[in-house]
C-alpha atoms as a PDB file:
ATOM      1  CA  UNK A   1     -20.521 -43.734 -22.170  1.00  0.00           C
ATOM      2  CA  UNK A   2     -17.665 -42.799 -19.833  1.00  0.00           C
ATOM      3  CA  UNK A   3     -14.051 -43.870 -20.326  1.00  0.00           C
ATOM      4  CA  UNK A   4     -13.509 -43.872 -16.572  1.00  0.00           C
ATOM      5  CA  UNK A   5     -12.819 -47.314 -15.149  1.00  0.00           C
ATOM      6  CA  UNK A   6     -14.383 -47.831 -11.720  1.00  0.00           C
ATOM      7  CA  UNK A   7     -11.847 -48.380  -8.974  1.00  0.00           C
ATOM      8  CA  UNK A   8     -12.288 -51.194  -6.470  1.00  0.00           C
ATOM      9  CA  UNK A   9     -13.536 -50.392  -3.000  1.00  0.00           C
ATOM     10  CA  UNK A  10     -10.662 -49.459  -0.722  1.00  0.00           C
ATOM     11  CA  UNK A  11     -10.858 -50.089   3.002  1.00  0.00           C
ATOM     12  CA  UNK A  12      -8.898 -50.941   6.141  1.00  0.00           C
ATOM     13  CA  UNK A  13     -10.012 -53.638   8.542  1.00  0.00           C
ATOM     14  CA  UNK A  14      -8.653 -55.774  11.342  1.00  0.00           C
ATOM     15  CA  UNK A  15      -6.637 -58.681   9.947  1.00  0.00           C
ATOM     16  CA  UNK A  16      -8.035 -62.197  10.207  1.00  0.00           C
ATOM     17  CA  UNK A  17      -6.114 -65.458  10.541  1.00  0.00           C
ATOM     18  CA  UNK A  18      -7.262 -66.301   6.998  1.00  0.00           C
ATOM     19  CA  UNK A  19      -5.394 -63.168   5.786  1.00  0.00           C
ATOM     20  CA  UNK A  20      -2.015 -64.556   6.932  1.00  0.00           C
ATOM     21  CA  UNK A  21      -1.048 -66.087   3.540  1.00  0.00           C
ATOM     22  CA  UNK A  22      -1.838 -62.836   1.691  1.00  0.00           C
ATOM     23  CA  UNK A  23      -0.020 -60.821   4.351  1.00  0.00           C
ATOM     24  CA  UNK A  24       3.030 -63.096   4.112  1.00  0.00           C
ATOM     25  CA  UNK A  25       3.266 -62.805   0.333  1.00  0.00           C
ATOM     26  CA  UNK A  26       2.689 -59.056   0.451  1.00  0.00           C
ATOM     27  CA  UNK A  27       5.320 -58.428   3.139  1.00  0.00           C
ATOM     28  CA  UNK A  28       7.931 -60.594   1.408  1.00  0.00           C
ATOM     29  CA  UNK A  29       7.347 -58.876  -1.944  1.00  0.00           C
ATOM     30  CA  UNK A  30       7.376 -55.400  -0.434  1.00  0.00           C
ATOM     31  CA  UNK A  31      10.499 -55.986   1.640  1.00  0.00           C
ATOM     32  CA  UNK A  32      12.375 -57.499  -1.293  1.00  0.00           C
ATOM     33  CA  UNK A  33      11.331 -54.503  -3.386  1.00  0.00           C
ATOM     34  CA  UNK A  34      12.106 -51.883  -0.739  1.00  0.00           C
ATOM     35  CA  UNK A  35      15.249 -53.310   0.841  1.00  0.00           C
ATOM     36  CA  UNK A  36      17.074 -55.060  -2.015  1.00  0.00           C
ATOM     37  CA  UNK A  37      19.763 -52.381  -1.910  1.00  0.00           C
ATOM     38  CA  UNK A  38      19.827 -52.166   1.883  1.00  0.00           C
ATOM     39  CA  UNK A  39      19.771 -55.708   3.247  1.00  0.00           C
ATOM     40  CA  UNK A  40      22.384 -58.332   2.352  1.00  0.00           C
ATOM     41  CA  UNK A  41      21.172 -60.889  -0.205  1.00  0.00           C
ATOM     42  CA  UNK A  42      21.483 -63.782   2.256  1.00  0.00           C
ATOM     43  CA  UNK A  43      19.192 -61.951   4.690  1.00  0.00           C
ATOM     44  CA  UNK A  44      16.686 -61.152   1.930  1.00  0.00           C
ATOM     45  CA  UNK A  45      16.706 -64.800   0.863  1.00  0.00           C
ATOM     46  CA  UNK A  46      15.535 -65.781   4.366  1.00  0.00           C
ATOM     47  CA  UNK A  47      12.568 -63.387   4.164  1.00  0.00           C
ATOM     48  CA  UNK A  48      10.214 -65.728   2.339  1.00  0.00           C
ATOM     49  CA  UNK A  49       6.430 -65.578   2.029  1.00  0.00           C
ATOM     50  CA  UNK A  50       6.254 -68.815   4.055  1.00  0.00           C
ATOM     51  CA  UNK A  51       8.260 -67.287   6.922  1.00  0.00           C
ATOM     52  CA  UNK A  52       6.087 -64.166   7.059  1.00  0.00           C
ATOM     53  CA  UNK A  53       2.885 -66.215   6.675  1.00  0.00           C
ATOM     54  CA  UNK A  54       3.807 -68.447   9.610  1.00  0.00           C
ATOM     55  CA  UNK A  55       4.679 -65.412  11.730  1.00  0.00           C
ATOM     56  CA  UNK A  56       1.415 -63.627  10.891  1.00  0.00           C
ATOM     57  CA  UNK A  57      -0.644 -66.752  11.438  1.00  0.00           C
ATOM     58  CA  UNK A  58       0.873 -67.312  14.878  1.00  0.00           C
ATOM     59  CA  UNK A  59       0.485 -63.674  15.944  1.00  0.00           C
ATOM     60  CA  UNK A  60      -3.103 -63.463  14.678  1.00  0.00           C
ATOM     61  CA  UNK A  61      -4.086 -66.692  16.420  1.00  0.00           C
ATOM     62  CA  UNK A  62      -2.377 -65.747  19.676  1.00  0.00           C
ATOM     63  CA  UNK A  63      -1.501 -62.021  19.816  1.00  0.00           C
ATOM     64  CA  UNK A  64       1.409 -61.059  22.097  1.00  0.00           C
ATOM     65  CA  UNK A  65      -0.959 -58.798  24.079  1.00  0.00           C
ATOM     66  CA  UNK A  66      -4.510 -57.508  24.020  1.00  0.00           C
ATOM     67  CA  UNK A  67      -3.204 -54.252  22.571  1.00  0.00           C
ATOM     68  CA  UNK A  68      -1.387 -55.753  19.572  1.00  0.00           C
ATOM     69  CA  UNK A  69      -3.357 -55.350  16.347  1.00  0.00           C
ATOM     70  CA  UNK A  70      -2.775 -56.168  12.710  1.00  0.00           C
ATOM     71  CA  UNK A  71      -4.677 -54.195  10.105  1.00  0.00           C
ATOM     72  CA  UNK A  72      -4.983 -54.798   6.378  1.00  0.00           C
ATOM     73  CA  UNK A  73      -5.767 -52.435   3.534  1.00  0.00           C
ATOM     74  CA  UNK A  74      -7.933 -53.915   0.817  1.00  0.00           C
ATOM     75  CA  UNK A  75      -8.943 -53.157  -2.740  1.00  0.00           C
ATOM     76  CA  UNK A  76     -12.079 -55.170  -3.198  1.00  0.00           C
ATOM     77  CA  UNK A  77     -11.189 -58.633  -1.886  1.00  0.00           C
ATOM     78  CA  UNK A  78      -7.427 -58.180  -2.378  1.00  0.00           C
ATOM     79  CA  UNK A  79      -5.101 -57.420   0.572  1.00  0.00           C
ATOM     80  CA  UNK A  80      -2.801 -54.633  -0.643  1.00  0.00           C
ATOM     81  CA  UNK A  81      -1.265 -53.311   2.570  1.00  0.00           C
ATOM     82  CA  UNK A  82      -0.711 -54.077   6.204  1.00  0.00           C
ATOM     83  CA  UNK A  83       0.117 -52.397   9.461  1.00  0.00           C
ATOM     84  CA  UNK A  84       0.785 -53.757  12.922  1.00  0.00           C
ATOM     85  CA  UNK A  85       0.799 -51.890  16.212  1.00  0.00           C
ATOM     86  CA  UNK A  86       1.620 -52.763  19.766  1.00  0.00           C
ATOM     87  CA  UNK A  87       2.651 -51.258  23.078  1.00  0.00           C
ATOM     88  CA  UNK A  88       6.155 -50.186  24.013  1.00  0.00           C
ATOM     89  CA  UNK A  89       7.706 -50.547  27.458  1.00  0.00           C
ATOM     90  CA  UNK A  90       6.576 -46.992  28.229  1.00  0.00           C
ATOM     91  CA  UNK A  91       3.000 -46.480  29.423  1.00  0.00           C
ATOM     92  CA  UNK A  92       0.885 -44.576  26.900  1.00  0.00           C
ATOM     93  CA  UNK A  93       3.327 -45.085  24.049  1.00  0.00           C
ATOM     94  CA  UNK A  94       2.399 -47.339  21.129  1.00  0.00           C
ATOM     95  CA  UNK A  95       4.587 -48.561  18.316  1.00  0.00           C
ATOM     96  CA  UNK A  96       3.947 -48.877  14.618  1.00  0.00           C
ATOM     97  CA  UNK A  97       5.652 -52.231  14.146  1.00  0.00           C
ATOM     98  CA  UNK A  98       4.999 -52.683  10.412  1.00  0.00           C
ATOM     99  CA  UNK A  99       3.580 -50.474   7.697  1.00  0.00           C
ATOM    100  CA  UNK A 100       3.843 -51.627   4.108  1.00  0.00           C
ATOM    101  CA  UNK A 101       1.850 -51.505   0.896  1.00  0.00           C
ATOM    102  CA  UNK A 102       2.164 -53.718  -2.162  1.00  0.00           C
ATOM    103  CA  UNK A 103       4.485 -51.818  -4.534  1.00  0.00           C
ATOM    104  CA  UNK A 104       1.911 -52.156  -7.345  1.00  0.00           C
ATOM    105  CA  UNK A 105      -0.799 -50.563  -5.170  1.00  0.00           C
ATOM    106  CA  UNK A 106       1.133 -47.557  -3.821  1.00  0.00           C
ATOM    107  CA  UNK A 107       0.096 -43.943  -4.167  1.00  0.00           C
ATOM    108  CA  UNK A 108      -3.599 -44.823  -3.904  1.00  0.00           C
ATOM    109  CA  UNK A 109      -4.101 -43.810  -0.267  1.00  0.00           C
ATOM    110  CA  UNK A 110      -3.649 -47.236   1.315  1.00  0.00           C
ATOM    111  CA  UNK A 111      -0.677 -46.177   3.449  1.00  0.00           C
ATOM    112  CA  UNK A 112      -2.558 -43.133   4.726  1.00  0.00           C
ATOM    113  CA  UNK A 113      -5.635 -45.186   5.534  1.00  0.00           C
ATOM    114  CA  UNK A 114      -3.506 -47.754   7.376  1.00  0.00           C
ATOM    115  CA  UNK A 115      -1.632 -45.099   9.361  1.00  0.00           C
ATOM    116  CA  UNK A 116      -4.882 -43.320  10.285  1.00  0.00           C
ATOM    117  CA  UNK A 117      -6.462 -46.612  11.406  1.00  0.00           C
ATOM    118  CA  UNK A 118      -3.354 -47.475  13.434  1.00  0.00           C
ATOM    119  CA  UNK A 119      -3.416 -44.091  15.200  1.00  0.00           C
ATOM    120  CA  UNK A 120      -7.181 -44.341  15.781  1.00  0.00           C
ATOM    121  CA  UNK A 121      -6.751 -47.816  17.286  1.00  0.00           C
ATOM    122  CA  UNK A 122      -3.963 -46.622  19.583  1.00  0.00           C
ATOM    123  CA  UNK A 123      -6.018 -43.568  20.583  1.00  0.00           C
ATOM    124  CA  UNK A 124      -9.009 -45.800  21.400  1.00  0.00           C
ATOM    125  CA  UNK A 125      -6.708 -47.729  23.749  1.00  0.00           C
ATOM    126  CA  UNK A 126      -5.612 -44.510  25.539  1.00  0.00           C
ATOM    127  CA  UNK A 127      -2.183 -44.207  23.935  1.00  0.00           C
ATOM    128  CA  UNK A 128      -0.868 -40.654  23.690  1.00  0.00           C
ATOM    129  CA  UNK A 129       2.167 -41.213  21.453  1.00  0.00           C
ATOM    130  CA  UNK A 130       3.113 -43.335  18.475  1.00  0.00           C
ATOM    131  CA  UNK A 131       6.655 -44.406  17.607  1.00  0.00           C
ATOM    132  CA  UNK A 132       8.111 -46.131  14.580  1.00  0.00           C
ATOM    133  CA  UNK A 133      11.589 -47.478  13.839  1.00  0.00           C
ATOM    134  CA  UNK A 134      12.505 -47.095  10.165  1.00  0.00           C
ATOM    135  CA  UNK A 135      15.712 -48.102   8.357  1.00  0.00           C
ATOM    136  CA  UNK A 136      17.805 -44.956   7.962  1.00  0.00           C
ATOM    137  CA  UNK A 137      18.088 -45.653   4.233  1.00  0.00           C
ATOM    138  CA  UNK A 138      14.297 -45.991   3.749  1.00  0.00           C
ATOM    139  CA  UNK A 139      13.688 -42.464   2.481  1.00  0.00           C
ATOM    140  CA  UNK A 140      10.246 -43.325   1.064  1.00  0.00           C
ATOM    141  CA  UNK A 141       8.765 -44.507   4.369  1.00  0.00           C
ATOM    142  CA  UNK A 142      10.470 -41.788   6.366  1.00  0.00           C
ATOM    143  CA  UNK A 143       9.210 -39.094   3.993  1.00  0.00           C
ATOM    144  CA  UNK A 144       5.684 -40.544   4.103  1.00  0.00           C
ATOM    145  CA  UNK A 145       5.620 -40.670   7.904  1.00  0.00           C
ATOM    146  CA  UNK A 146       7.119 -37.194   8.260  1.00  0.00           C
ATOM    147  CA  UNK A 147       4.482 -35.762   5.907  1.00  0.00           C
ATOM    148  CA  UNK A 148       1.899 -37.278   8.274  1.00  0.00           C
ATOM    149  CA  UNK A 149       3.526 -35.601  11.279  1.00  0.00           C
ATOM    150  CA  UNK A 150       5.587 -38.536  12.587  1.00  0.00           C
ATOM    151  CA  UNK A 151       9.043 -36.982  12.864  1.00  0.00           C
ATOM    152  CA  UNK A 152      12.556 -38.135  13.844  1.00  0.00           C
ATOM    153  CA  UNK A 153      13.453 -37.447  17.461  1.00  0.00           C
ATOM    154  CA  UNK A 154      17.192 -38.071  17.091  1.00  0.00           C
ATOM    155  CA  UNK A 155      17.204 -41.621  18.477  1.00  0.00           C
ATOM    156  CA  UNK A 156      18.673 -44.485  16.476  1.00  0.00           C
ATOM    157  CA  UNK A 157      19.561 -48.126  16.947  1.00  0.00           C
ATOM    158  CA  UNK A 158      21.600 -50.731  15.111  1.00  0.00           C
ATOM    159  CA  UNK A 159      19.674 -53.948  14.526  1.00  0.00           C
ATOM    160  CA  UNK A 160      21.357 -57.311  14.046  1.00  0.00           C
ATOM    161  CA  UNK A 161      20.353 -59.090  10.841  1.00  0.00           C
ATOM    162  CA  UNK A 162      20.105 -62.740  11.781  1.00  0.00           C
ATOM    163  CA  UNK A 163      23.387 -64.531  11.158  1.00  0.00           C
ATOM    164  CA  UNK A 164      24.768 -61.675   9.033  1.00  0.00           C
ATOM    165  CA  UNK A 165      27.644 -59.639  10.519  1.00  0.00           C
ATOM    166  CA  UNK A 166      26.002 -56.515   9.068  1.00  0.00           C
ATOM    167  CA  UNK A 167      23.896 -54.161  11.157  1.00  0.00           C
ATOM    168  CA  UNK A 168      20.880 -52.172  10.024  1.00  0.00           C
ATOM    169  CA  UNK A 169      20.721 -48.586  11.296  1.00  0.00           C
ATOM    170  CA  UNK A 170      17.186 -47.532  12.193  1.00  0.00           C
ATOM    171  CA  UNK A 171      15.940 -44.085  13.172  1.00  0.00           C
ATOM    172  CA  UNK A 172      13.026 -43.445  15.498  1.00  0.00           C
ATOM    173  CA  UNK A 173      10.089 -41.298  14.472  1.00  0.00           C
ATOM    174  CA  UNK A 174       7.457 -40.085  16.959  1.00  0.00           C
ATOM    175  CA  UNK A 175       4.199 -38.149  17.094  1.00  0.00           C
ATOM    176  CA  UNK A 176       1.752 -37.233  19.769  1.00  0.00           C
ATOM    177  CA  UNK A 177      -1.745 -38.675  19.578  1.00  0.00           C
ATOM    178  CA  UNK A 178      -4.372 -36.101  20.394  1.00  0.00           C
ATOM    179  CA  UNK A 179      -7.701 -37.234  21.799  1.00  0.00           C
ATOM    180  CA  UNK A 180     -10.450 -35.684  19.764  1.00  0.00           C
END
């Protein structure tokens, strides 16, 4: 008899409207975990599962464009990660709008599967470049993306944080998408 415990099936698929509650909880938990030292507490308090769920439900029911996609990573029936992509204002350039994995499910390949699926989806829609804006203090995400070939190009922006007077510095990472 083996002492190895079977691992649940891991996959990435297009998100469904019925995934919105799981996506909302996951994003709220991940952002509170990842940005508790970066975002002001009053801003974090506004980032509730209900807020994210409502946003995901609306965008899944009526996507902003035909190119926008939300993807989820699963372990068995459980949603453990999510990614969202969409177009930028520049033709042929897509944006990785969100990429996050449940902190308890990290380092199991979900982020890589999500990023690969996002790039494949953009490639299938004739995009030639992917961009992502990442908080300058988010070393973990930046390191992950850079290891995958998505590198800083020197651009940055300061994002307003709701009613907070604080600004969040984000850096832009880019990579070419090669048609295979």
